[in-house]
Amino acid sequence: MVDFASVERAHQQAIASVFSQSATVGAVTDAMIHALNSGHKVLWCGNGGSAAEAQHMSAELMVRYVVNRRPLASIALTTDTSLLTAHSNDFDFASVFSRQIAALGQAGDMLVAISTSGHSVNVLQALQQAKQQGLVTFALTGQGPNPLAGQADFAICVDSTTTARIQEAHTLVNHLICEGLDLAFNHN
């Protein structure tokens, strides 16, 4: 049987670690608002559940979160199966996101790089490519320190080593950002 009390404690610890980094969440939100107000876009990447989170959040920006506001330029680099499989077959999986950033990324855009471990090679390469091209970078990871968080302009490291708890906290971070975006773009 599931030990609900243990899961609840671990969940609360992960969520508390997000709220302890509220200044960073606010700074990331402001940076994203600035990028979008300046005609730039947000790119998202991650693997597995983090890829699903990237797609979820890109949809929140393009469609809406709560408020009916203008669509915000956002691309999940995890969605084009032909591109993902062709690149992985012809080259490798390690550069599957960085190659897309090389083609689509422009200085002033923002990359949200999601990895529960903070060690995913393809996400690290994406972040490095983004930095080379002048994108603002934001890492969402599990417990720090880790290479992804260490190289990003902004980072939220969830205080957990359990993938499910980290993913739950990542969704909270992204929804907090969406709250800020809704406030900023409600008039548009």
C-alpha atoms as a PDB file:
ATOM      1  CA  MET A   1       0.000   0.000   0.000  1.00  0.00           C
ATOM      2  CA  VAL A   2       1.164   3.539  -0.753  1.00  0.00           C
ATOM      3  CA  ASP A   3       2.519   5.390   2.274  1.00  0.00           C
ATOM      4  CA  PHE A   4       0.478   8.559   1.746  1.00  0.00           C
ATOM      5  CA  ALA A   5       2.036  10.345   4.718  1.00  0.00           C
ATOM      6  CA  SER A   6       5.531   9.795   3.321  1.00  0.00           C
ATOM      7  CA  VAL A   7       4.509  11.000  -0.142  1.00  0.00           C
ATOM      8  CA  GLU A   8       2.805  14.041   1.389  1.00  0.00           C
ATOM      9  CA  ARG A   9       5.946  14.962   3.376  1.00  0.00           C
ATOM     10  CA  ALA A  10       8.164  14.608   0.305  1.00  0.00           C
ATOM     11  CA  HIS A  11       5.711  16.622  -1.808  1.00  0.00           C
ATOM     12  CA  GLN A  12       5.509  19.396   0.790  1.00  0.00           C
ATOM     13  CA  GLN A  13       9.316  19.550   1.006  1.00  0.00           C
ATOM     14  CA  ALA A  14       9.598  19.899  -2.777  1.00  0.00           C
ATOM     15  CA  ILE A  15       6.875  22.555  -2.928  1.00  0.00           C
ATOM     16  CA  ALA A  16       8.394  24.465   0.005  1.00  0.00           C
ATOM     17  CA  SER A  17      11.697  24.556  -1.864  1.00  0.00           C
ATOM     18  CA  VAL A  18       9.930  26.286  -4.773  1.00  0.00           C
ATOM     19  CA  PHE A  19       8.439  28.953  -2.524  1.00  0.00           C
ATOM     20  CA  SER A  20      11.834  29.501  -0.880  1.00  0.00           C
ATOM     21  CA  GLN A  21      13.074  30.503  -4.361  1.00  0.00           C
ATOM     22  CA  SER A  22      10.214  32.917  -5.076  1.00  0.00           C
ATOM     23  CA  ALA A  23      12.605  35.769  -5.926  1.00  0.00           C
ATOM     24  CA  THR A  24      14.070  33.640  -8.722  1.00  0.00           C
ATOM     25  CA  VAL A  25      10.603  32.695  -9.976  1.00  0.00           C
ATOM     26  CA  GLY A  26       9.800  36.413 -10.089  1.00  0.00           C
ATOM     27  CA  ALA A  27      13.033  37.246 -11.914  1.00  0.00           C
ATOM     28  CA  VAL A  28      12.423  34.500 -14.493  1.00  0.00           C
ATOM     29  CA  THR A  29       8.868  35.738 -15.006  1.00  0.00           C
ATOM     30  CA  ASP A  30      10.133  39.292 -15.543  1.00  0.00           C
ATOM     31  CA  ALA A  31      12.787  38.067 -18.000  1.00  0.00           C
ATOM     32  CA  MET A  32      10.168  36.087 -19.930  1.00  0.00           C
ATOM     33  CA  ILE A  33       7.814  39.088 -20.024  1.00  0.00           C
ATOM     34  CA  HIS A  34      10.668  41.257 -21.307  1.00  0.00           C
ATOM     35  CA  ALA A  35      11.569  38.744 -24.028  1.00  0.00           C
ATOM     36  CA  LEU A  36       7.963  38.384 -25.165  1.00  0.00           C
ATOM     37  CA  ASN A  37       7.330  42.155 -25.059  1.00  0.00           C
ATOM     38  CA  SER A  38      10.440  42.624 -27.207  1.00  0.00           C
ATOM     39  CA  GLY A  39       9.130  40.346 -29.960  1.00  0.00           C
ATOM     40  CA  HIS A  40      11.115  37.294 -28.905  1.00  0.00           C
ATOM     41  CA  LYS A  41      10.003  33.744 -28.181  1.00  0.00           C
ATOM     42  CA  VAL A  42      10.367  31.070 -25.524  1.00  0.00           C
ATOM     43  CA  LEU A  43      11.873  27.690 -26.444  1.00  0.00           C
ATOM     44  CA  TRP A  44      11.392  24.650 -24.186  1.00  0.00           C
ATOM     45  CA  CYS A  45      13.217  21.309 -23.989  1.00  0.00           C
ATOM     46  CA  GLY A  46      13.432  18.222 -21.799  1.00  0.00           C
ATOM     47  CA  ASN A  47      13.213  14.418 -21.934  1.00  0.00           C
ATOM     48  CA  GLY A  48      10.351  12.098 -20.967  1.00  0.00           C
ATOM     49  CA  GLY A  49       8.155  13.754 -18.348  1.00  0.00           C
ATOM     50  CA  SER A  50      10.167  16.947 -18.776  1.00  0.00           C
ATOM     51  CA  ALA A  51       9.380  16.857 -22.515  1.00  0.00           C
ATOM     52  CA  ALA A  52       5.702  16.573 -21.618  1.00  0.00           C
ATOM     53  CA  GLU A  53       6.099  19.557 -19.267  1.00  0.00           C
ATOM     54  CA  ALA A  54       7.782  21.522 -22.073  1.00  0.00           C
ATOM     55  CA  GLN A  55       4.833  20.813 -24.369  1.00  0.00           C
ATOM     56  CA  HIS A  56       2.305  21.584 -21.629  1.00  0.00           C
ATOM     57  CA  MET A  57       3.887  24.945 -20.880  1.00  0.00           C
ATOM     58  CA  SER A  58       4.360  25.939 -24.499  1.00  0.00           C
ATOM     59  CA  ALA A  59       0.641  25.325 -24.975  1.00  0.00           C
ATOM     60  CA  GLU A  60      -0.165  27.497 -21.926  1.00  0.00           C
ATOM     61  CA  LEU A  61       1.713  30.381 -23.572  1.00  0.00           C
ATOM     62  CA  MET A  62       0.364  29.906 -27.089  1.00  0.00           C
ATOM     63  CA  VAL A  63      -3.258  29.192 -26.158  1.00  0.00           C
ATOM     64  CA  ARG A  64      -3.909  30.590 -22.691  1.00  0.00           C
ATOM     65  CA  TYR A  65      -3.440  29.807 -19.042  1.00  0.00           C
ATOM     66  CA  VAL A  66      -6.519  31.296 -17.339  1.00  0.00           C
ATOM     67  CA  VAL A  67      -7.015  34.696 -18.958  1.00  0.00           C
ATOM     68  CA  ASN A  68      -8.003  35.125 -22.591  1.00  0.00           C
ATOM     69  CA  ARG A  69      -4.973  37.128 -23.698  1.00  0.00           C
ATOM     70  CA  ARG A  70      -2.978  37.330 -26.901  1.00  0.00           C
ATOM     71  CA  PRO A  71      -0.978  34.232 -27.846  1.00  0.00           C
ATOM     72  CA  LEU A  72       2.644  34.324 -26.718  1.00  0.00           C
ATOM     73  CA  ALA A  73       5.429  33.043 -28.994  1.00  0.00           C
ATOM     74  CA  SER A  74       6.493  29.659 -27.652  1.00  0.00           C
ATOM     75  CA  ILE A  75       7.938  26.483 -29.165  1.00  0.00           C
ATOM     76  CA  ALA A  76       8.458  23.106 -27.496  1.00  0.00           C
ATOM     77  CA  LEU A  77      11.482  21.523 -29.185  1.00  0.00           C
ATOM     78  CA  THR A  78      10.118  18.091 -28.239  1.00  0.00           C
ATOM     79  CA  THR A  79       7.138  17.836 -30.591  1.00  0.00           C
ATOM     80  CA  ASP A  80       8.322  17.211 -34.165  1.00  0.00           C
ATOM     81  CA  THR A  81       8.683  13.430 -34.375  1.00  0.00           C
ATOM     82  CA  SER A  82      10.093  13.496 -37.914  1.00  0.00           C
ATOM     83  CA  LEU A  83      12.792  15.944 -36.877  1.00  0.00           C
ATOM     84  CA  LEU A  84      13.566  14.128 -33.617  1.00  0.00           C
ATOM     85  CA  THR A  85      13.884  10.719 -35.260  1.00  0.00           C
ATOM     86  CA  ALA A  86      15.745  11.923 -38.375  1.00  0.00           C
ATOM     87  CA  HIS A  87      18.266  13.835 -36.303  1.00  0.00           C
ATOM     88  CA  SER A  88      18.742  10.952 -33.872  1.00  0.00           C
ATOM     89  CA  ASN A  89      19.210   8.515 -36.759  1.00  0.00           C
ATOM     90  CA  ASP A  90      21.500  10.709 -38.882  1.00  0.00           C
ATOM     91  CA  PHE A  91      23.512  12.333 -36.082  1.00  0.00           C
ATOM     92  CA  ASP A  92      22.842  11.554 -32.424  1.00  0.00           C
ATOM     93  CA  PHE A  93      20.345  12.283 -29.684  1.00  0.00           C
ATOM     94  CA  ALA A  94      22.761  14.469 -27.717  1.00  0.00           C
ATOM     95  CA  SER A  95      22.424  17.384 -30.146  1.00  0.00           C
ATOM     96  CA  VAL A  96      18.728  16.982 -30.978  1.00  0.00           C
ATOM     97  CA  PHE A  97      17.751  20.201 -29.157  1.00  0.00           C
ATOM     98  CA  SER A  98      20.911  22.239 -29.769  1.00  0.00           C
ATOM     99  CA  ARG A  99      20.534  21.846 -33.538  1.00  0.00           C
ATOM    100  CA  GLN A 100      16.990  23.206 -33.354  1.00  0.00           C
ATOM    101  CA  ILE A 101      18.215  26.144 -31.276  1.00  0.00           C
ATOM    102  CA  ALA A 102      20.935  26.794 -33.866  1.00  0.00           C
ATOM    103  CA  ALA A 103      18.183  27.078 -36.488  1.00  0.00           C
ATOM    104  CA  LEU A 104      15.420  28.809 -34.501  1.00  0.00           C
ATOM    105  CA  GLY A 105      17.064  30.654 -31.618  1.00  0.00           C
ATOM    106  CA  GLN A 106      17.800  34.360 -31.759  1.00  0.00           C
ATOM    107  CA  ALA A 107      19.527  36.635 -29.286  1.00  0.00           C
ATOM    108  CA  GLY A 108      16.890  37.843 -26.830  1.00  0.00           C
ATOM    109  CA  ASP A 109      14.829  34.642 -26.989  1.00  0.00           C
ATOM    110  CA  MET A 110      14.551  32.522 -23.848  1.00  0.00           C
ATOM    111  CA  LEU A 111      15.275  28.813 -23.371  1.00  0.00           C
ATOM    112  CA  VAL A 112      13.606  26.870 -20.576  1.00  0.00           C
ATOM    113  CA  ALA A 113      15.701  23.725 -20.070  1.00  0.00           C
ATOM    114  CA  ILE A 114      14.005  21.080 -17.916  1.00  0.00           C
ATOM    115  CA  SER A 115      15.820  18.097 -16.392  1.00  0.00           C
ATOM    116  CA  THR A 116      14.979  16.401 -13.112  1.00  0.00           C
ATOM    117  CA  SER A 117      18.619  15.304 -12.751  1.00  0.00           C
ATOM    118  CA  GLY A 118      20.288  18.394 -14.173  1.00  0.00           C
ATOM    119  CA  HIS A 119      22.650  16.049 -16.033  1.00  0.00           C
ATOM    120  CA  SER A 120      20.792  15.303 -19.318  1.00  0.00           C
ATOM    121  CA  VAL A 121      23.411  15.647 -22.058  1.00  0.00           C
ATOM    122  CA  ASN A 122      21.031  16.851 -24.766  1.00  0.00           C
ATOM    123  CA  VAL A 123      19.500  19.466 -22.454  1.00  0.00           C
ATOM    124  CA  LEU A 124      22.975  20.638 -21.393  1.00  0.00           C
ATOM    125  CA  GLN A 125      24.017  20.961 -25.042  1.00  0.00           C
ATOM    126  CA  ALA A 126      20.828  22.919 -25.742  1.00  0.00           C
ATOM    127  CA  LEU A 127      21.612  25.339 -22.929  1.00  0.00           C
ATOM    128  CA  GLN A 128      25.194  25.787 -24.133  1.00  0.00           C
ATOM    129  CA  GLN A 129      24.025  26.465 -27.702  1.00  0.00           C
ATOM    130  CA  ALA A 130      21.436  28.935 -26.422  1.00  0.00           C
ATOM    131  CA  LYS A 131      24.063  30.830 -24.428  1.00  0.00           C
ATOM    132  CA  GLN A 132      26.362  30.978 -27.488  1.00  0.00           C
ATOM    133  CA  GLN A 133      23.532  32.580 -29.457  1.00  0.00           C
ATOM    134  CA  GLY A 134      22.582  35.110 -26.786  1.00  0.00           C
ATOM    135  CA  LEU A 135      19.397  33.510 -25.464  1.00  0.00           C
ATOM    136  CA  VAL A 136      18.406  34.000 -21.833  1.00  0.00           C
ATOM    137  CA  THR A 137      18.527  30.587 -20.147  1.00  0.00           C
ATOM    138  CA  PHE A 138      16.421  29.150 -17.343  1.00  0.00           C
ATOM    139  CA  ALA A 139      17.056  25.689 -15.873  1.00  0.00           C
ATOM    140  CA  LEU A 140      14.433  23.733 -13.956  1.00  0.00           C
ATOM    141  CA  THR A 141      16.112  20.836 -12.170  1.00  0.00           C
ATOM    142  CA  GLY A 142      16.049  18.590  -9.173  1.00  0.00           C
ATOM    143  CA  GLN A 143      18.414  18.905  -6.277  1.00  0.00           C
ATOM    144  CA  GLY A 144      21.439  21.098  -6.853  1.00  0.00           C
ATOM    145  CA  PRO A 145      24.166  21.675  -7.426  1.00  0.00           C
ATOM    146  CA  ASN A 146      24.128  20.192 -10.900  1.00  0.00           C
ATOM    147  CA  PRO A 147      25.693  21.123 -14.262  1.00  0.00           C
ATOM    148  CA  LEU A 148      22.508  22.469 -15.863  1.00  0.00           C
ATOM    149  CA  ALA A 149      21.663  24.816 -13.007  1.00  0.00           C
ATOM    150  CA  GLY A 150      25.290  25.895 -12.759  1.00  0.00           C
ATOM    151  CA  GLN A 151      25.406  27.065 -16.378  1.00  0.00           C
ATOM    152  CA  ALA A 152      22.004  28.774 -16.639  1.00  0.00           C
ATOM    153  CA  ASP A 153      21.262  32.474 -16.205  1.00  0.00           C
ATOM    154  CA  PHE A 154      18.429  31.501 -13.853  1.00  0.00           C
ATOM    155  CA  ALA A 155      17.815  28.189 -12.090  1.00  0.00           C
ATOM    156  CA  ILE A 156      15.261  26.636  -9.792  1.00  0.00           C
ATOM    157  CA  CYS A 157      16.560  23.479  -8.102  1.00  0.00           C
ATOM    158  CA  VAL A 158      13.812  21.490  -6.408  1.00  0.00           C
ATOM    159  CA  ASP A 159      14.910  20.018  -3.082  1.00  0.00           C
ATOM    160  CA  SER A 160      14.174  16.393  -3.901  1.00  0.00           C
ATOM    161  CA  THR A 161      15.806  13.377  -5.508  1.00  0.00           C
ATOM    162  CA  THR A 162      12.459  11.738  -6.360  1.00  0.00           C
ATOM    163  CA  THR A 163      11.525  12.303  -9.999  1.00  0.00           C
ATOM    164  CA  ALA A 164       7.760  12.466  -9.395  1.00  0.00           C
ATOM    165  CA  ARG A 165       8.103  15.089  -6.639  1.00  0.00           C
ATOM    166  CA  ILE A 166      10.470  17.154  -8.802  1.00  0.00           C
ATOM    167  CA  GLN A 167       8.038  17.036 -11.728  1.00  0.00           C
ATOM    168  CA  GLU A 168       5.160  18.139  -9.494  1.00  0.00           C
ATOM    169  CA  ALA A 169       7.224  21.090  -8.313  1.00  0.00           C
ATOM    170  CA  HIS A 170       8.246  21.985 -11.881  1.00  0.00           C
ATOM    171  CA  THR A 171       4.586  22.249 -12.828  1.00  0.00           C
ATOM    172  CA  LEU A 172       4.043  24.596  -9.884  1.00  0.00           C
ATOM    173  CA  VAL A 173       6.971  26.800 -10.976  1.00  0.00           C
ATOM    174  CA  ASN A 174       5.643  26.968 -14.512  1.00  0.00           C
ATOM    175  CA  HIS A 175       2.119  27.757 -13.351  1.00  0.00           C
ATOM    176  CA  LEU A 176       3.469  30.549 -11.127  1.00  0.00           C
ATOM    177  CA  ILE A 177       5.219  31.982 -14.193  1.00  0.00           C
ATOM    178  CA  CYS A 178       1.940  31.724 -16.122  1.00  0.00           C
ATOM    179  CA  GLU A 179       0.169  33.669 -13.357  1.00  0.00           C
ATOM    180  CA  GLY A 180       2.652  36.480 -13.945  1.00  0.00           C
ATOM    181  CA  LEU A 181       2.278  36.279 -17.717  1.00  0.00           C
ATOM    182  CA  ASP A 182      -1.507  36.478 -17.430  1.00  0.00           C
ATOM    183  CA  LEU A 183      -1.182  39.627 -15.311  1.00  0.00           C
ATOM    184  CA  ALA A 184       1.318  41.198 -17.707  1.00  0.00           C
ATOM    185  CA  PHE A 185      -0.504  40.405 -20.940  1.00  0.00           C
ATOM    186  CA  ASN A 186      -4.162  40.574 -19.860  1.00  0.00           C
ATOM    187  CA  HIS A 187      -4.561  44.001 -21.474  1.00  0.00           C
ATOM    188  CA  ASN A 188      -3.287  42.867 -24.885  1.00  0.00           C
END
